[in-house]
Amino acid sequence: MSISAQAVDVVYGRPAAGVQVRLQRRSADLGRELDDWLTVDETETDSDGCIKDWTAERFGRGPYQIVFDSDAYFAMLGLSTAYKEVSVVVRLADESDSCRIQVRLAPYSYSMDFGFRG
């Protein structure tokens, strides 16, 4: 199982390099009593706006949340945002699941695509 992600800056029409991103899992899925999101990895997008490999544990079945810090990214560019963070929640249901998430960021909007890879 794997999750790859890409952030695209639609204001300037380029990859959104340097976006801070958190990968989270539900704590109940990790054997904890409280059911909350726990951060299992933090990284930033590369020069292509991508995160190809996470350093976190091996992916298992269950829900994952990927959180893009759009506020900090656009603040670096001198712009304010309506959305502090953009969160995408996906569920990996099968051991062979590999998914790709692309988030297109603008200061006052965002959109995303999700797909499975074979």
PDB file of N, CA and C in Angstrom:
ATOM      1  N   MET A   1       0.833  -1.179   0.000  1.00  0.00           N
ATOM      2  CA  MET A   1       0.000   0.000   0.000  1.00  0.00           C
ATOM      3  C   MET A   1       0.873   1.236   0.000  1.00  0.00           C
ATOM      4  N   SER A   2       0.451   2.226  -0.745  1.00  0.00           N
ATOM      5  CA  SER A   2       1.192   3.480  -0.741  1.00  0.00           C
ATOM      6  C   SER A   2       0.254   4.644  -1.028  1.00  0.00           C
ATOM      7  N   ILE A   3       0.701   5.811  -0.599  1.00  0.00           N
ATOM      8  CA  ILE A   3      -0.019   7.054  -0.864  1.00  0.00           C
ATOM      9  C   ILE A   3       0.999   8.048  -1.397  1.00  0.00           C
ATOM     10  N   SER A   4       0.748   8.605  -2.578  1.00  0.00           N
ATOM     11  CA  SER A   4       1.585   9.692  -3.079  1.00  0.00           C
ATOM     12  C   SER A   4       0.706  10.927  -3.195  1.00  0.00           C
ATOM     13  N   ALA A   5       1.324  12.087  -3.099  1.00  0.00           N
ATOM     14  CA  ALA A   5       0.558  13.333  -3.115  1.00  0.00           C
ATOM     15  C   ALA A   5       1.299  14.390  -3.912  1.00  0.00           C
ATOM     16  N   GLN A   6       0.539  15.301  -4.497  1.00  0.00           N
ATOM     17  CA  GLN A   6       1.105  16.428  -5.225  1.00  0.00           C
ATOM     18  C   GLN A   6       0.266  17.666  -4.939  1.00  0.00           C
ATOM     19  N   ALA A   7       0.940  18.799  -4.767  1.00  0.00           N
ATOM     20  CA  ALA A   7       0.272  20.086  -4.597  1.00  0.00           C
ATOM     21  C   ALA A   7       0.648  20.971  -5.778  1.00  0.00           C
ATOM     22  N   VAL A   8      -0.361  21.604  -6.373  1.00  0.00           N
ATOM     23  CA  VAL A   8      -0.162  22.488  -7.518  1.00  0.00           C
ATOM     24  C   VAL A   8      -0.661  23.880  -7.143  1.00  0.00           C
ATOM     25  N   ASP A   9       0.152  24.883  -7.404  1.00  0.00           N
ATOM     26  CA  ASP A   9      -0.201  26.284  -7.177  1.00  0.00           C
ATOM     27  C   ASP A   9      -0.903  26.790  -8.430  1.00  0.00           C
ATOM     28  N   VAL A  10      -2.225  26.983  -8.354  1.00  0.00           N
ATOM     29  CA  VAL A  10      -2.961  27.413  -9.547  1.00  0.00           C
ATOM     30  C   VAL A  10      -2.896  28.922  -9.762  1.00  0.00           C
ATOM     31  N   VAL A  11      -2.411  29.670  -8.784  1.00  0.00           N
ATOM     32  CA  VAL A  11      -2.222  31.112  -8.965  1.00  0.00           C
ATOM     33  C   VAL A  11      -1.115  31.354  -9.977  1.00  0.00           C
ATOM     34  N   TYR A  12      -0.006  30.646  -9.801  1.00  0.00           N
ATOM     35  CA  TYR A  12       1.155  30.834 -10.667  1.00  0.00           C
ATOM     36  C   TYR A  12       1.321  29.714 -11.693  1.00  0.00           C
ATOM     37  N   GLY A  13       0.452  28.718 -11.659  1.00  0.00           N
ATOM     38  CA  GLY A  13       0.510  27.634 -12.637  1.00  0.00           C
ATOM     39  C   GLY A  13       1.773  26.808 -12.554  1.00  0.00           C
ATOM     40  N   ARG A  14       2.149  26.425 -11.337  1.00  0.00           N
ATOM     41  CA  ARG A  14       3.390  25.666 -11.145  1.00  0.00           C
ATOM     42  C   ARG A  14       3.221  24.710  -9.960  1.00  0.00           C
ATOM     43  N   PRO A  15       4.158  23.767  -9.827  1.00  0.00           N
ATOM     44  CA  PRO A  15       4.121  22.902  -8.646  1.00  0.00           C
ATOM     45  C   PRO A  15       4.265  23.744  -7.380  1.00  0.00           C
ATOM     46  N   ALA A  16       3.565  23.370  -6.344  1.00  0.00           N
ATOM     47  CA  ALA A  16       3.648  24.081  -5.063  1.00  0.00           C
ATOM     48  C   ALA A  16       4.754  23.432  -4.229  1.00  0.00           C
ATOM     49  N   ALA A  17       5.974  23.903  -4.422  1.00  0.00           N
ATOM     50  CA  ALA A  17       7.130  23.362  -3.703  1.00  0.00           C
ATOM     51  C   ALA A  17       7.198  23.959  -2.304  1.00  0.00           C
ATOM     52  N   GLY A  18       7.567  23.139  -1.333  1.00  0.00           N
ATOM     53  CA  GLY A  18       7.759  23.617   0.030  1.00  0.00           C
ATOM     54  C   GLY A  18       6.508  23.668   0.886  1.00  0.00           C
ATOM     55  N   VAL A  19       5.433  23.027   0.452  1.00  0.00           N
ATOM     56  CA  VAL A  19       4.212  22.977   1.269  1.00  0.00           C
ATOM     57  C   VAL A  19       4.414  21.946   2.380  1.00  0.00           C
ATOM     58  N   GLN A  20       4.185  22.357   3.619  1.00  0.00           N
ATOM     59  CA  GLN A  20       4.253  21.428   4.741  1.00  0.00           C
ATOM     60  C   GLN A  20       3.032  20.510   4.695  1.00  0.00           C
ATOM     61  N   VAL A  21       3.274  19.203   4.875  1.00  0.00           N
ATOM     62  CA  VAL A  21       2.202  18.215   4.773  1.00  0.00           C
ATOM     63  C   VAL A  21       2.319  17.220   5.930  1.00  0.00           C
ATOM     64  N   ARG A  22       1.170  16.906   6.528  1.00  0.00           N
ATOM     65  CA  ARG A  22       1.113  15.899   7.590  1.00  0.00           C
ATOM     66  C   ARG A  22       0.305  14.695   7.110  1.00  0.00           C
ATOM     67  N   LEU A  23       0.797  13.517   7.440  1.00  0.00           N
ATOM     68  CA  LEU A  23       0.066  12.276   7.203  1.00  0.00           C
ATOM     69  C   LEU A  23      -0.434  11.799   8.557  1.00  0.00           C
ATOM     70  N   GLN A  24      -1.742  11.544   8.649  1.00  0.00           N
ATOM     71  CA  GLN A  24      -2.324  11.166   9.928  1.00  0.00           C
ATOM     72  C   GLN A  24      -3.161   9.901   9.793  1.00  0.00           C
ATOM     73  N   ARG A  25      -3.279   9.189  10.931  1.00  0.00           N
ATOM     74  CA  ARG A  25      -4.130   7.993  11.025  1.00  0.00           C
ATOM     75  C   ARG A  25      -5.046   8.125  12.212  1.00  0.00           C
ATOM     76  N   ARG A  26      -6.171   7.455  12.132  1.00  0.00           N
ATOM     77  CA  ARG A  26      -7.087   7.450  13.272  1.00  0.00           C
ATOM     78  C   ARG A  26      -6.430   6.694  14.414  1.00  0.00           C
ATOM     79  N   SER A  27      -6.470   7.258  15.614  1.00  0.00           N
ATOM     80  CA  SER A  27      -5.823   6.617  16.753  1.00  0.00           C
ATOM     81  C   SER A  27      -6.463   5.281  17.102  1.00  0.00           C
ATOM     82  N   ALA A  28      -7.770   5.153  16.889  1.00  0.00           N
ATOM     83  CA  ALA A  28      -8.436   3.875  17.168  1.00  0.00           C
ATOM     84  C   ALA A  28      -7.875   2.770  16.283  1.00  0.00           C
ATOM     85  N   ASP A  29      -7.465   3.119  15.063  1.00  0.00           N
ATOM     86  CA  ASP A  29      -6.874   2.137  14.157  1.00  0.00           C
ATOM     87  C   ASP A  29      -5.470   1.736  14.590  1.00  0.00           C
ATOM     88  N   LEU A  30      -4.882   2.508  15.497  1.00  0.00           N
ATOM     89  CA  LEU A  30      -3.544   2.209  16.004  1.00  0.00           C
ATOM     90  C   LEU A  30      -3.605   1.595  17.400  1.00  0.00           C
ATOM     91  N   GLY A  31      -4.808   1.194  17.829  1.00  0.00           N
ATOM     92  CA  GLY A  31      -4.954   0.530  19.115  1.00  0.00           C
ATOM     93  C   GLY A  31      -5.095   1.465  20.303  1.00  0.00           C
ATOM     94  N   ARG A  32      -5.333   2.728  20.077  1.00  0.00           N
ATOM     95  CA  ARG A  32      -5.505   3.685  21.166  1.00  0.00           C
ATOM     96  C   ARG A  32      -6.982   3.777  21.547  1.00  0.00           C
ATOM     97  N   GLU A  33      -7.244   4.169  22.796  1.00  0.00           N
ATOM     98  CA  GLU A  33      -8.631   4.267  23.253  1.00  0.00           C
ATOM     99  C   GLU A  33      -9.351   5.459  22.639  1.00  0.00           C
ATOM    100  N   LEU A  34      -8.721   6.611  22.639  1.00  0.00           N
ATOM    101  CA  LEU A  34      -9.346   7.802  22.066  1.00  0.00           C
ATOM    102  C   LEU A  34      -9.326   7.710  20.553  1.00  0.00           C
ATOM    103  N   ASP A  35     -10.386   8.190  19.936  1.00  0.00           N
ATOM    104  CA  ASP A  35     -10.457   8.151  18.476  1.00  0.00           C
ATOM    105  C   ASP A  35     -10.195   9.551  17.933  1.00  0.00           C
ATOM    106  N   ASP A  36      -8.951   9.829  17.635  1.00  0.00           N
ATOM    107  CA  ASP A  36      -8.532  11.127  17.129  1.00  0.00           C
ATOM    108  C   ASP A  36      -7.492  10.884  16.039  1.00  0.00           C
ATOM    109  N   TRP A  37      -7.149  11.926  15.297  1.00  0.00           N
ATOM    110  CA  TRP A  37      -6.111  11.799  14.273  1.00  0.00           C
ATOM    111  C   TRP A  37      -4.742  11.968  14.915  1.00  0.00           C
ATOM    112  N   LEU A  38      -3.843  11.033  14.657  1.00  0.00           N
ATOM    113  CA  LEU A  38      -2.463  11.108  15.134  1.00  0.00           C
ATOM    114  C   LEU A  38      -1.535  11.273  13.945  1.00  0.00           C
ATOM    115  N   THR A  39      -0.581  12.185  14.063  1.00  0.00           N
ATOM    116  CA  THR A  39       0.386  12.406  12.990  1.00  0.00           C
ATOM    117  C   THR A  39       1.406  11.275  12.992  1.00  0.00           C
ATOM    118  N   VAL A  40       1.541  10.618  11.840  1.00  0.00           N
ATOM    119  CA  VAL A  40       2.519   9.537  11.711  1.00  0.00           C
ATOM    120  C   VAL A  40       3.708   9.953  10.851  1.00  0.00           C
ATOM    121  N   ASP A  41       3.588  11.077  10.141  1.00  0.00           N
ATOM    122  CA  ASP A  41       4.706  11.599   9.352  1.00  0.00           C
ATOM    123  C   ASP A  41       4.444  13.060   9.011  1.00  0.00           C
ATOM    124  N   GLU A  42       5.512  13.822   8.911  1.00  0.00           N
ATOM    125  CA  GLU A  42       5.453  15.213   8.458  1.00  0.00           C
ATOM    126  C   GLU A  42       6.580  15.423   7.468  1.00  0.00           C
ATOM    127  N   THR A  43       6.298  16.113   6.391  1.00  0.00           N
ATOM    128  CA  THR A  43       7.303  16.367   5.367  1.00  0.00           C
ATOM    129  C   THR A  43       6.876  17.601   4.587  1.00  0.00           C
ATOM    130  N   GLU A  44       7.591  17.906   3.521  1.00  0.00           N
ATOM    131  CA  GLU A  44       7.163  18.992   2.637  1.00  0.00           C
ATOM    132  C   GLU A  44       7.304  18.551   1.190  1.00  0.00           C
ATOM    133  N   THR A  45       6.537  19.207   0.339  1.00  0.00           N
ATOM    134  CA  THR A  45       6.569  18.852  -1.077  1.00  0.00           C
ATOM    135  C   THR A  45       7.914  19.229  -1.688  1.00  0.00           C
ATOM    136  N   ASP A  46       8.347  18.428  -2.657  1.00  0.00           N
ATOM    137  CA  ASP A  46       9.623  18.678  -3.330  1.00  0.00           C
ATOM    138  C   ASP A  46       9.456  19.725  -4.435  1.00  0.00           C
ATOM    139  N   SER A  47      10.470  19.908  -5.256  1.00  0.00           N
ATOM    140  CA  SER A  47      10.437  20.937  -6.308  1.00  0.00           C
ATOM    141  C   SER A  47       9.358  20.678  -7.357  1.00  0.00           C
ATOM    142  N   ASP A  48       8.880  19.435  -7.432  1.00  0.00           N
ATOM    143  CA  ASP A  48       7.782  19.094  -8.343  1.00  0.00           C
ATOM    144  C   ASP A  48       6.427  19.157  -7.645  1.00  0.00           C
ATOM    145  N   GLY A  49       6.418  19.630  -6.386  1.00  0.00           N
ATOM    146  CA  GLY A  49       5.187  19.690  -5.614  1.00  0.00           C
ATOM    147  C   GLY A  49       4.742  18.335  -5.097  1.00  0.00           C
ATOM    148  N   CYS A  50       5.646  17.347  -5.133  1.00  0.00           N
ATOM    149  CA  CYS A  50       5.266  15.961  -4.831  1.00  0.00           C
ATOM    150  C   CYS A  50       5.804  15.459  -3.496  1.00  0.00           C
ATOM    151  N   ILE A  51       5.088  14.483  -2.983  1.00  0.00           N
ATOM    152  CA  ILE A  51       5.569  13.631  -1.902  1.00  0.00           C
ATOM    153  C   ILE A  51       5.446  12.219  -2.440  1.00  0.00           C
ATOM    154  N   LYS A  52       6.578  11.637  -2.731  1.00  0.00           N
ATOM    155  CA  LYS A  52       6.573  10.303  -3.336  1.00  0.00           C
ATOM    156  C   LYS A  52       6.664   9.205  -2.289  1.00  0.00           C
ATOM    157  N   ASP A  53       7.429   9.456  -1.249  1.00  0.00           N
ATOM    158  CA  ASP A  53       7.624   8.450  -0.212  1.00  0.00           C
ATOM    159  C   ASP A  53       7.480   9.087   1.159  1.00  0.00           C
ATOM    160  N   TRP A  54       6.725   8.444   2.004  1.00  0.00           N
ATOM    161  CA  TRP A  54       6.601   8.861   3.393  1.00  0.00           C
ATOM    162  C   TRP A  54       7.575   8.024   4.201  1.00  0.00           C
ATOM    163  N   THR A  55       8.089   8.575   5.279  1.00  0.00           N
ATOM    164  CA  THR A  55       9.013   7.818   6.127  1.00  0.00           C
ATOM    165  C   THR A  55       8.275   7.077   7.228  1.00  0.00           C
ATOM    166  N   ALA A  56       6.964   7.227   7.269  1.00  0.00           N
ATOM    167  CA  ALA A  56       6.159   6.607   8.324  1.00  0.00           C
ATOM    168  C   ALA A  56       6.123   5.093   8.183  1.00  0.00           C
ATOM    169  N   GLU A  57       5.462   4.508   9.144  1.00  0.00           N
ATOM    170  CA  GLU A  57       5.281   3.062   9.159  1.00  0.00           C
ATOM    171  C   GLU A  57       4.688   2.554   7.853  1.00  0.00           C
ATOM    172  N   ARG A  58       4.728   1.282   7.684  1.00  0.00           N
ATOM    173  CA  ARG A  58       4.093   0.659   6.522  1.00  0.00           C
ATOM    174  C   ARG A  58       2.596   0.963   6.566  1.00  0.00           C
ATOM    175  N   PHE A  59       2.025   1.238   5.422  1.00  0.00           N
ATOM    176  CA  PHE A  59       0.602   1.548   5.350  1.00  0.00           C
ATOM    177  C   PHE A  59      -0.219   0.285   5.534  1.00  0.00           C
ATOM    178  N   GLY A  60      -1.224   0.376   6.364  1.00  0.00           N
ATOM    179  CA  GLY A  60      -2.169  -0.713   6.544  1.00  0.00           C
ATOM    180  C   GLY A  60      -3.545  -0.260   6.096  1.00  0.00           C
ATOM    181  N   ARG A  61      -4.485  -1.135   6.186  1.00  0.00           N
ATOM    182  CA  ARG A  61      -5.854  -0.787   5.831  1.00  0.00           C
ATOM    183  C   ARG A  61      -6.390   0.269   6.787  1.00  0.00           C
ATOM    184  N   GLY A  62      -7.319   1.074   6.286  1.00  0.00           N
ATOM    185  CA  GLY A  62      -7.973   2.052   7.141  1.00  0.00           C
ATOM    186  C   GLY A  62      -7.907   3.452   6.578  1.00  0.00           C
ATOM    187  N   PRO A  63      -8.475   4.404   7.321  1.00  0.00           N
ATOM    188  CA  PRO A  63      -8.505   5.792   6.862  1.00  0.00           C
ATOM    189  C   PRO A  63      -7.191   6.523   7.154  1.00  0.00           C
ATOM    190  N   TYR A  64      -6.829   7.396   6.237  1.00  0.00           N
ATOM    191  CA  TYR A  64      -5.672   8.277   6.388  1.00  0.00           C
ATOM    192  C   TYR A  64      -6.116   9.694   6.055  1.00  0.00           C
ATOM    193  N   GLN A  65      -5.508  10.651   6.722  1.00  0.00           N
ATOM    194  CA  GLN A  65      -5.771  12.058   6.434  1.00  0.00           C
ATOM    195  C   GLN A  65      -4.455  12.716   6.017  1.00  0.00           C
ATOM    196  N   ILE A  66      -4.482  13.419   4.904  1.00  0.00           N
ATOM    197  CA  ILE A  66      -3.322  14.168   4.429  1.00  0.00           C
ATOM    198  C   ILE A  66      -3.693  15.637   4.558  1.00  0.00           C
ATOM    199  N   VAL A  67      -2.880  16.398   5.303  1.00  0.00           N
ATOM    200  CA  VAL A  67      -3.184  17.794   5.608  1.00  0.00           C
ATOM    201  C   VAL A  67      -2.116  18.686   4.981  1.00  0.00           C
ATOM    202  N   PHE A  68      -2.525  19.555   4.063  1.00  0.00           N
ATOM    203  CA  PHE A  68      -1.637  20.494   3.382  1.00  0.00           C
ATOM    204  C   PHE A  68      -1.755  21.853   4.069  1.00  0.00           C
ATOM    205  N   ASP A  69      -0.633  22.444   4.488  1.00  0.00           N
ATOM    206  CA  ASP A  69      -0.641  23.752   5.155  1.00  0.00           C
ATOM    207  C   ASP A  69      -0.634  24.860   4.104  1.00  0.00           C
ATOM    208  N   SER A  70      -1.806  25.152   3.567  1.00  0.00           N
ATOM    209  CA  SER A  70      -1.924  26.156   2.504  1.00  0.00           C
ATOM    210  C   SER A  70      -1.656  27.564   3.021  1.00  0.00           C
ATOM    211  N   ASP A  71      -1.996  27.835   4.279  1.00  0.00           N
ATOM    212  CA  ASP A  71      -1.796  29.166   4.849  1.00  0.00           C
ATOM    213  C   ASP A  71      -0.318  29.551   4.871  1.00  0.00           C
ATOM    214  N   ALA A  72       0.527  28.663   5.381  1.00  0.00           N
ATOM    215  CA  ALA A  72       1.964  28.951   5.450  1.00  0.00           C
ATOM    216  C   ALA A  72       2.566  29.076   4.055  1.00  0.00           C
ATOM    217  N   TYR A  73       2.110  28.225   3.125  1.00  0.00           N
ATOM    218  CA  TYR A  73       2.636  28.284   1.759  1.00  0.00           C
ATOM    219  C   TYR A  73       2.348  29.641   1.120  1.00  0.00           C
ATOM    220  N   PHE A  74       1.095  30.081   1.160  1.00  0.00           N
ATOM    221  CA  PHE A  74       0.763  31.354   0.522  1.00  0.00           C
ATOM    222  C   PHE A  74       1.308  32.550   1.297  1.00  0.00           C
ATOM    223  N   ALA A  75       1.496  32.412   2.611  1.00  0.00           N
ATOM    224  CA  ALA A  75       2.129  33.483   3.391  1.00  0.00           C
ATOM    225  C   ALA A  75       3.557  33.717   2.908  1.00  0.00           C
ATOM    226  N   MET A  76       4.264  32.634   2.511  1.00  0.00           N
ATOM    227  CA  MET A  76       5.622  32.778   1.957  1.00  0.00           C
ATOM    228  C   MET A  76       5.605  33.604   0.678  1.00  0.00           C
ATOM    229  N   LEU A  77       4.460  33.599  -0.014  1.00  0.00           N
ATOM    230  CA  LEU A  77       4.318  34.337  -1.272  1.00  0.00           C
ATOM    231  C   LEU A  77       3.681  35.709  -1.064  1.00  0.00           C
ATOM    232  N   GLY A  78       3.432  36.060   0.202  1.00  0.00           N
ATOM    233  CA  GLY A  78       2.842  37.360   0.507  1.00  0.00           C
ATOM    234  C   GLY A  78       1.339  37.422   0.306  1.00  0.00           C
ATOM    235  N   LEU A  79       0.673  36.276   0.314  1.00  0.00           N
ATOM    236  CA  LEU A  79      -0.774  36.220   0.098  1.00  0.00           C
ATOM    237  C   LEU A  79      -1.480  35.665   1.332  1.00  0.00           C
ATOM    238  N   SER A  80      -2.681  36.152   1.594  1.00  0.00           N
ATOM    239  CA  SER A  80      -3.488  35.592   2.680  1.00  0.00           C
ATOM    240  C   SER A  80      -4.452  34.564   2.092  1.00  0.00           C
ATOM    241  N   THR A  81      -4.970  33.696   2.955  1.00  0.00           N
ATOM    242  CA  THR A  81      -5.827  32.607   2.483  1.00  0.00           C
ATOM    243  C   THR A  81      -7.125  32.525   3.275  1.00  0.00           C
ATOM    244  N   ALA A  82      -8.113  31.915   2.671  1.00  0.00           N
ATOM    245  CA  ALA A  82      -9.366  31.623   3.368  1.00  0.00           C
ATOM    246  C   ALA A  82      -9.264  30.301   4.119  1.00  0.00           C
ATOM    247  N   TYR A  83      -8.430  29.395   3.618  1.00  0.00           N
ATOM    248  CA  TYR A  83      -8.295  28.068   4.208  1.00  0.00           C
ATOM    249  C   TYR A  83      -6.912  27.928   4.822  1.00  0.00           C
ATOM    250  N   LYS A  84      -6.872  27.741   6.149  1.00  0.00           N
ATOM    251  CA  LYS A  84      -5.585  27.556   6.809  1.00  0.00           C
ATOM    252  C   LYS A  84      -4.934  26.250   6.365  1.00  0.00           C
ATOM    253  N   GLU A  85      -5.745  25.210   6.274  1.00  0.00           N
ATOM    254  CA  GLU A  85      -5.265  23.900   5.860  1.00  0.00           C
ATOM    255  C   GLU A  85      -6.271  23.269   4.904  1.00  0.00           C
ATOM    256  N   VAL A  86      -5.756  22.382   4.071  1.00  0.00           N
ATOM    257  CA  VAL A  86      -6.608  21.583   3.195  1.00  0.00           C
ATOM    258  C   VAL A  86      -6.400  20.125   3.598  1.00  0.00           C
ATOM    259  N   SER A  87      -7.476  19.470   4.007  1.00  0.00           N
ATOM    260  CA  SER A  87      -7.409  18.082   4.463  1.00  0.00           C
ATOM    261  C   SER A  87      -8.116  17.165   3.479  1.00  0.00           C
ATOM    262  N   VAL A  88      -7.483  16.045   3.214  1.00  0.00           N
ATOM    263  CA  VAL A  88      -8.062  15.018   2.350  1.00  0.00           C
ATOM    264  C   VAL A  88      -8.038  13.714   3.138  1.00  0.00           C
ATOM    265  N   VAL A  89      -9.197  13.076   3.264  1.00  0.00           N
ATOM    266  CA  VAL A  89      -9.286  11.804   3.976  1.00  0.00           C
ATOM    267  C   VAL A  89      -9.562  10.703   2.959  1.00  0.00           C
ATOM    268  N   VAL A  90      -8.730   9.669   2.984  1.00  0.00           N
ATOM    269  CA  VAL A  90      -8.888   8.531   2.074  1.00  0.00           C
ATOM    270  C   VAL A  90      -8.894   7.243   2.891  1.00  0.00           C
ATOM    271  N   ARG A  91      -9.453   6.213   2.304  1.00  0.00           N
ATOM    272  CA  ARG A  91      -9.460   4.905   2.958  1.00  0.00           C
ATOM    273  C   ARG A  91      -8.733   3.903   2.064  1.00  0.00           C
ATOM    274  N   LEU A  92      -7.745   3.239   2.641  1.00  0.00           N
ATOM    275  CA  LEU A  92      -7.082   2.133   1.951  1.00  0.00           C
ATOM    276  C   LEU A  92      -7.773   0.859   2.411  1.00  0.00           C
ATOM    277  N   ALA A  93      -8.386   0.155   1.475  1.00  0.00           N
ATOM    278  CA  ALA A  93      -9.202  -1.001   1.824  1.00  0.00           C
ATOM    279  C   ALA A  93      -8.541  -2.333   1.518  1.00  0.00           C
ATOM    280  N   ASP A  94      -7.527  -2.316   0.678  1.00  0.00           N
ATOM    281  CA  ASP A  94      -6.928  -3.562   0.222  1.00  0.00           C
ATOM    282  C   ASP A  94      -5.416  -3.460   0.317  1.00  0.00           C
ATOM    283  N   GLU A  95      -4.757  -4.574   0.570  1.00  0.00           N
ATOM    284  CA  GLU A  95      -3.295  -4.590   0.697  1.00  0.00           C
ATOM    285  C   GLU A  95      -2.585  -4.099  -0.559  1.00  0.00           C
ATOM    286  N   SER A  96      -3.237  -4.187  -1.704  1.00  0.00           N
ATOM    287  CA  SER A  96      -2.594  -3.766  -2.952  1.00  0.00           C
ATOM    288  C   SER A  96      -2.934  -2.329  -3.345  1.00  0.00           C
ATOM    289  N   ASP A  97      -3.715  -1.622  -2.515  1.00  0.00           N
ATOM    290  CA  ASP A  97      -4.092  -0.243  -2.844  1.00  0.00           C
ATOM    291  C   ASP A  97      -2.877   0.679  -2.887  1.00  0.00           C
ATOM    292  N   SER A  98      -2.764   1.432  -3.950  1.00  0.00           N
ATOM    293  CA  SER A  98      -1.796   2.520  -4.063  1.00  0.00           C
ATOM    294  C   SER A  98      -2.568   3.698  -4.623  1.00  0.00           C
ATOM    295  N   CYS A  99      -2.584   4.788  -3.897  1.00  0.00           N
ATOM    296  CA  CYS A  99      -3.389   5.910  -4.366  1.00  0.00           C
ATOM    297  C   CYS A  99      -2.540   7.153  -4.581  1.00  0.00           C
ATOM    298  N   ARG A 100      -3.068   8.020  -5.417  1.00  0.00           N
ATOM    299  CA  ARG A 100      -2.421   9.289  -5.753  1.00  0.00           C
ATOM    300  C   ARG A 100      -3.426  10.399  -5.507  1.00  0.00           C
ATOM    301  N   ILE A 101      -2.989  11.423  -4.796  1.00  0.00           N
ATOM    302  CA  ILE A 101      -3.831  12.573  -4.487  1.00  0.00           C
ATOM    303  C   ILE A 101      -3.165  13.807  -5.068  1.00  0.00           C
ATOM    304  N   GLN A 102      -3.927  14.598  -5.802  1.00  0.00           N
ATOM    305  CA  GLN A 102      -3.425  15.878  -6.294  1.00  0.00           C
ATOM    306  C   GLN A 102      -4.355  16.969  -5.769  1.00  0.00           C
ATOM    307  N   VAL A 103      -3.755  17.970  -5.119  1.00  0.00           N
ATOM    308  CA  VAL A 103      -4.515  19.104  -4.604  1.00  0.00           C
ATOM    309  C   VAL A 103      -4.070  20.350  -5.355  1.00  0.00           C
ATOM    310  N   ARG A 104      -5.036  21.070  -5.911  1.00  0.00           N
ATOM    311  CA  ARG A 104      -4.765  22.336  -6.599  1.00  0.00           C
ATOM    312  C   ARG A 104      -5.145  23.457  -5.641  1.00  0.00           C
ATOM    313  N   LEU A 105      -4.131  24.270  -5.284  1.00  0.00           N
ATOM    314  CA  LEU A 105      -4.299  25.288  -4.253  1.00  0.00           C
ATOM    315  C   LEU A 105      -4.374  26.692  -4.823  1.00  0.00           C
ATOM    316  N   ALA A 106      -5.279  27.480  -4.277  1.00  0.00           N
ATOM    317  CA  ALA A 106      -5.372  28.915  -4.523  1.00  0.00           C
ATOM    318  C   ALA A 106      -5.721  29.536  -3.170  1.00  0.00           C
ATOM    319  N   PRO A 107      -5.492  30.835  -2.992  1.00  0.00           N
ATOM    320  CA  PRO A 107      -5.757  31.437  -1.686  1.00  0.00           C
ATOM    321  C   PRO A 107      -7.207  31.307  -1.202  1.00  0.00           C
ATOM    322  N   TYR A 108      -8.168  31.301  -2.118  1.00  0.00           N
ATOM    323  CA  TYR A 108      -9.568  31.262  -1.698  1.00  0.00           C
ATOM    324  C   TYR A 108     -10.341  30.073  -2.252  1.00  0.00           C
ATOM    325  N   SER A 109      -9.630  29.078  -2.750  1.00  0.00           N
ATOM    326  CA  SER A 109     -10.297  27.864  -3.215  1.00  0.00           C
ATOM    327  C   SER A 109      -9.269  26.740  -3.332  1.00  0.00           C
ATOM    328  N   TYR A 110      -9.788  25.546  -3.462  1.00  0.00           N
ATOM    329  CA  TYR A 110      -8.945  24.384  -3.736  1.00  0.00           C
ATOM    330  C   TYR A 110      -9.806  23.315  -4.389  1.00  0.00           C
ATOM    331  N   SER A 111      -9.156  22.403  -5.070  1.00  0.00           N
ATOM    332  CA  SER A 111      -9.831  21.228  -5.614  1.00  0.00           C
ATOM    333  C   SER A 111      -8.850  20.069  -5.541  1.00  0.00           C
ATOM    334  N   MET A 112      -9.376  18.875  -5.644  1.00  0.00           N
ATOM    335  CA  MET A 112      -8.495  17.717  -5.546  1.00  0.00           C
ATOM    336  C   MET A 112      -8.967  16.605  -6.457  1.00  0.00           C
ATOM    337  N   ASP A 113      -8.007  15.770  -6.826  1.00  0.00           N
ATOM    338  CA  ASP A 113      -8.263  14.551  -7.583  1.00  0.00           C
ATOM    339  C   ASP A 113      -7.699  13.393  -6.783  1.00  0.00           C
ATOM    340  N   PHE A 114      -8.366  12.279  -6.882  1.00  0.00           N
ATOM    341  CA  PHE A 114      -7.934  11.072  -6.194  1.00  0.00           C
ATOM    342  C   PHE A 114      -8.007   9.921  -7.184  1.00  0.00           C
ATOM    343  N   GLY A 115      -7.005   9.070  -7.170  1.00  0.00           N
ATOM    344  CA  GLY A 115      -7.035   7.916  -8.055  1.00  0.00           C
ATOM    345  C   GLY A 115      -6.202   6.777  -7.516  1.00  0.00           C
ATOM    346  N   PHE A 116      -6.560   5.571  -7.926  1.00  0.00           N
ATOM    347  CA  PHE A 116      -5.775   4.386  -7.586  1.00  0.00           C
ATOM    348  C   PHE A 116      -4.832   4.076  -8.726  1.00  0.00           C
ATOM    349  N   ARG A 117      -3.633   3.602  -8.384  1.00  0.00           N
ATOM    350  CA  ARG A 117      -2.655   3.187  -9.388  1.00  0.00           C
ATOM    351  C   ARG A 117      -2.549   1.680  -9.369  1.00  0.00           C
ATOM    352  N   GLY A 118      -2.306   1.133 -10.528  1.00  0.00           N
ATOM    353  CA  GLY A 118      -2.165  -0.321 -10.622  1.00  0.00           C
ATOM    354  C   GLY A 118      -0.756  -0.766 -10.479  1.00  0.00           C
TER     355      GLY A 118
END
